[in-house]
Every structure is written in C-alpha cells, then in structure tokens.
N, C-alpha and C. Protein backbone atom coordinates (compact mmCIF):
# COMPACT_ATOMS: atom_id res chain seq x y z
N UNK A 1 0.84 -1.18 0.00
CA UNK A 1 0.00 0.00 0.00
C UNK A 1 0.88 1.24 0.00
N UNK A 2 0.51 2.23 -0.75
CA UNK A 2 1.32 3.43 -0.93
C UNK A 2 0.60 4.64 -0.36
N UNK A 3 1.14 5.19 0.71
CA UNK A 3 0.54 6.38 1.30
C UNK A 3 1.64 7.38 1.60
N UNK A 4 1.33 8.67 1.48
CA UNK A 4 2.34 9.70 1.73
C UNK A 4 2.82 9.72 3.17
N UNK A 5 1.98 9.32 4.13
CA UNK A 5 2.38 9.34 5.52
C UNK A 5 3.18 8.13 5.95
N UNK A 6 3.28 7.13 5.10
CA UNK A 6 3.96 5.89 5.44
C UNK A 6 5.40 5.96 4.97
N UNK A 7 6.37 5.95 5.90
CA UNK A 7 7.77 6.07 5.51
C UNK A 7 8.25 4.84 4.76
N UNK A 8 7.48 3.74 4.79
CA UNK A 8 7.85 2.54 4.05
C UNK A 8 7.24 2.55 2.66
N UNK A 9 6.57 3.59 2.30
CA UNK A 9 5.91 3.67 1.01
C UNK A 9 6.93 3.62 -0.11
N UNK A 10 6.46 3.27 -1.29
CA UNK A 10 7.32 3.18 -2.45
C UNK A 10 7.69 4.55 -2.99
N UNK A 11 8.78 4.58 -3.70
CA UNK A 11 9.25 5.76 -4.43
C UNK A 11 8.13 6.28 -5.33
N UNK A 12 8.02 7.59 -5.47
CA UNK A 12 6.96 8.17 -6.30
C UNK A 12 7.27 8.09 -7.80
N UNK A 13 8.49 7.68 -8.17
CA UNK A 13 8.82 7.53 -9.58
C UNK A 13 7.99 6.39 -10.15
N UNK A 14 7.42 6.57 -11.34
CA UNK A 14 6.55 5.54 -11.93
C UNK A 14 7.19 4.15 -11.96
N UNK A 15 6.45 3.17 -11.49
CA UNK A 15 6.84 1.76 -11.51
C UNK A 15 8.04 1.41 -10.64
N UNK A 16 8.49 2.30 -9.78
CA UNK A 16 9.60 1.99 -8.87
C UNK A 16 9.02 1.45 -7.57
N UNK A 17 9.50 0.31 -7.15
CA UNK A 17 9.00 -0.30 -5.91
C UNK A 17 10.00 -0.18 -4.76
N UNK A 18 11.08 0.59 -4.96
CA UNK A 18 12.03 0.81 -3.88
C UNK A 18 11.40 1.69 -2.81
N UNK A 19 11.87 1.55 -1.59
CA UNK A 19 11.38 2.36 -0.48
C UNK A 19 11.83 3.80 -0.65
N UNK A 20 10.89 4.71 -0.47
CA UNK A 20 11.24 6.13 -0.59
C UNK A 20 12.12 6.55 0.58
N UNK A 21 13.03 7.49 0.30
CA UNK A 21 13.94 7.97 1.33
C UNK A 21 13.87 9.49 1.48
N UNK A 22 13.98 10.20 0.39
CA UNK A 22 14.03 11.66 0.46
C UNK A 22 13.08 12.26 -0.54
N UNK A 23 12.20 13.14 -0.04
CA UNK A 23 11.24 13.86 -0.87
C UNK A 23 10.42 12.92 -1.76
N UNK A 24 10.16 11.71 -1.25
CA UNK A 24 9.32 10.76 -1.95
C UNK A 24 10.06 9.85 -2.91
N UNK A 25 11.35 10.06 -3.06
CA UNK A 25 12.13 9.28 -4.01
C UNK A 25 13.05 8.29 -3.30
N UNK A 26 13.34 7.17 -3.96
CA UNK A 26 14.36 6.25 -3.46
C UNK A 26 15.72 6.91 -3.69
N UNK A 27 16.75 6.30 -3.14
CA UNK A 27 18.10 6.88 -3.26
C UNK A 27 18.50 7.08 -4.72
N UNK A 28 18.31 6.06 -5.55
CA UNK A 28 18.72 6.13 -6.95
C UNK A 28 18.00 7.26 -7.69
N UNK A 29 16.69 7.34 -7.53
CA UNK A 29 15.94 8.37 -8.26
C UNK A 29 16.20 9.76 -7.68
N UNK A 30 16.46 9.87 -6.39
CA UNK A 30 16.80 11.17 -5.81
C UNK A 30 18.12 11.68 -6.39
N UNK A 31 19.11 10.80 -6.49
CA UNK A 31 20.41 11.21 -7.04
C UNK A 31 20.28 11.59 -8.51
N UNK A 32 19.47 10.87 -9.26
CA UNK A 32 19.24 11.21 -10.67
C UNK A 32 18.56 12.56 -10.78
N UNK A 33 17.54 12.79 -9.93
CA UNK A 33 16.83 14.07 -9.94
C UNK A 33 17.80 15.21 -9.63
N UNK A 34 18.63 15.03 -8.62
CA UNK A 34 19.60 16.08 -8.25
C UNK A 34 20.52 16.42 -9.41
N UNK A 35 20.97 15.39 -10.12
CA UNK A 35 21.86 15.59 -11.25
C UNK A 35 21.15 16.38 -12.36
N UNK A 36 19.91 16.01 -12.66
CA UNK A 36 19.15 16.71 -13.70
C UNK A 36 18.88 18.16 -13.32
N UNK A 37 18.56 18.41 -12.06
CA UNK A 37 18.30 19.78 -11.61
C UNK A 37 19.60 20.59 -11.68
N UNK A 38 20.69 20.02 -11.20
CA UNK A 38 21.99 20.70 -11.22
C UNK A 38 22.42 21.04 -12.65
N UNK A 39 22.13 20.13 -13.60
CA UNK A 39 22.53 20.35 -14.99
C UNK A 39 21.53 21.18 -15.79
N UNK A 40 20.45 21.62 -15.15
CA UNK A 40 19.46 22.46 -15.82
C UNK A 40 18.49 21.69 -16.71
N UNK A 41 18.46 20.37 -16.59
CA UNK A 41 17.57 19.55 -17.42
C UNK A 41 16.17 19.47 -16.82
N UNK A 42 16.02 19.84 -15.55
CA UNK A 42 14.73 19.81 -14.86
C UNK A 42 14.76 20.85 -13.75
N UNK A 43 13.59 21.20 -13.25
CA UNK A 43 13.51 22.07 -12.08
C UNK A 43 12.70 21.35 -11.00
N UNK A 44 13.03 21.64 -9.75
CA UNK A 44 12.28 21.04 -8.65
C UNK A 44 10.81 21.42 -8.72
N UNK A 45 10.53 22.66 -9.11
CA UNK A 45 9.15 23.13 -9.19
C UNK A 45 8.34 22.33 -10.19
N UNK A 46 8.91 22.06 -11.36
CA UNK A 46 8.21 21.29 -12.37
C UNK A 46 8.00 19.85 -11.90
N UNK A 47 9.02 19.26 -11.29
CA UNK A 47 8.90 17.89 -10.80
C UNK A 47 7.84 17.79 -9.70
N UNK A 48 7.78 18.78 -8.82
CA UNK A 48 6.75 18.81 -7.78
C UNK A 48 5.37 18.93 -8.40
N UNK A 49 5.22 19.80 -9.37
CA UNK A 49 3.94 20.01 -10.04
C UNK A 49 3.43 18.72 -10.67
N UNK A 50 4.36 17.92 -11.19
CA UNK A 50 3.99 16.67 -11.87
C UNK A 50 3.93 15.48 -10.92
N UNK A 51 4.15 15.71 -9.63
CA UNK A 51 4.06 14.63 -8.65
C UNK A 51 5.26 13.71 -8.60
N UNK A 52 6.38 14.15 -9.17
CA UNK A 52 7.58 13.33 -9.19
C UNK A 52 8.57 13.72 -8.10
N UNK A 53 8.20 14.67 -7.25
CA UNK A 53 9.04 15.12 -6.15
C UNK A 53 8.12 15.74 -5.11
N UNK A 54 8.25 15.31 -3.87
CA UNK A 54 7.42 15.85 -2.81
C UNK A 54 8.08 17.08 -2.19
N UNK A 55 7.29 17.86 -1.46
CA UNK A 55 7.81 19.04 -0.78
C UNK A 55 8.92 18.65 0.18
N UNK A 56 9.81 19.59 0.47
CA UNK A 56 10.87 19.35 1.44
C UNK A 56 10.24 19.01 2.78
N UNK A 57 10.85 18.05 3.46
CA UNK A 57 10.34 17.64 4.77
C UNK A 57 9.24 16.61 4.72
N UNK A 58 8.95 16.08 3.52
CA UNK A 58 7.89 15.07 3.41
C UNK A 58 8.39 13.86 2.65
N UNK A 59 7.73 12.76 2.85
CA UNK A 59 7.92 11.59 2.01
C UNK A 59 9.23 10.86 2.12
N UNK A 60 9.87 10.95 3.27
CA UNK A 60 11.10 10.21 3.43
C UNK A 60 11.23 9.73 4.85
N UNK A 61 12.46 9.63 5.28
CA UNK A 61 12.70 9.23 6.65
C UNK A 61 12.15 10.28 7.59
N UNK A 62 11.73 9.86 8.79
CA UNK A 62 11.21 10.84 9.73
C UNK A 62 12.27 11.85 10.12
N UNK A 63 11.85 13.07 10.35
CA UNK A 63 12.76 14.10 10.82
C UNK A 63 13.03 13.83 12.29
N UNK A 64 14.28 13.72 12.64
CA UNK A 64 14.63 13.40 14.01
C UNK A 64 14.92 14.68 14.79
N UNK A 65 14.37 14.75 15.97
CA UNK A 65 14.60 15.87 16.87
C UNK A 65 15.78 15.50 17.75
N UNK A 66 16.88 16.21 17.60
CA UNK A 66 18.10 15.90 18.36
C UNK A 66 18.25 16.79 19.58
N UNK A 67 17.19 17.50 19.98
CA UNK A 67 17.29 18.41 21.11
C UNK A 67 17.56 17.69 22.43
N UNK A 68 17.31 16.39 22.48
CA UNK A 68 17.57 15.63 23.71
C UNK A 68 19.04 15.66 24.08
N UNK A 69 19.92 15.91 23.10
CA UNK A 69 21.35 15.97 23.37
C UNK A 69 21.78 17.28 24.00
N UNK A 70 20.94 18.29 23.95
CA UNK A 70 21.32 19.61 24.44
C UNK A 70 21.43 19.64 25.95
N UNK A 71 22.37 20.43 26.46
CA UNK A 71 22.50 20.62 27.90
C UNK A 71 21.19 21.15 28.45
N UNK A 72 20.76 20.67 29.59
CA UNK A 72 19.54 21.14 30.22
C UNK A 72 18.30 20.34 29.80
N UNK A 73 18.44 19.43 28.85
CA UNK A 73 17.32 18.62 28.45
C UNK A 73 17.02 17.59 29.53
N UNK A 74 15.74 17.30 29.77
CA UNK A 74 15.40 16.28 30.75
C UNK A 74 15.07 14.94 30.09
N UNK A 75 15.38 14.79 28.81
CA UNK A 75 15.11 13.55 28.09
C UNK A 75 15.95 12.42 28.64
N UNK A 76 15.36 11.23 28.73
CA UNK A 76 16.02 10.04 29.24
C UNK A 76 16.06 8.98 28.16
N UNK A 77 17.16 8.29 28.05
CA UNK A 77 17.26 7.19 27.10
C UNK A 77 16.65 5.93 27.68
N UNK A 78 16.52 4.91 26.84
CA UNK A 78 15.99 3.63 27.29
C UNK A 78 17.10 2.86 28.00
N UNK A 79 16.76 2.23 29.10
CA UNK A 79 17.76 1.46 29.87
C UNK A 79 17.75 0.01 29.47
C-alpha cells in the first residue's frame, strides 16, 4: 500500500518499488533528480507540479529531533 504518511511507502517515480527515502524518491531516483536539476535539465518546481518530487520535509525518513542531546534537556534514554 502506498501512502504519503507511510515512511515505508514506495518511491513516487513511476513503476519503482524501492522504499522512498528523500522527498518521496528512493536513493537512486533522488540522485538522478539532483543531477538533472543541477545540470538544468529539470527544475524542482516542475517535478513537484507533476508529482515526481514531494515538498521538502515530506515523504522520506522521519525528521529526528536531536534536542535531547542539548544541555539542560530532561530527556532520558531507554535502559
């Protein structure tokens, strides 16, 4: 099953069944997208409009809050 909220969901690239990692894409398709954008062959805006790239902060690994490491934090680790 493919859902935007599920971090185990498949890559948004057509017919790709790899697990999405960043902005809805698997590692391979994310690197390809970056290369095309860098070389001027595509824009992030166009890819987002066409559903081939999700907004920043979505569709990949969960964003981790590292504030527990800060001095003064009362966070406790698992024993």
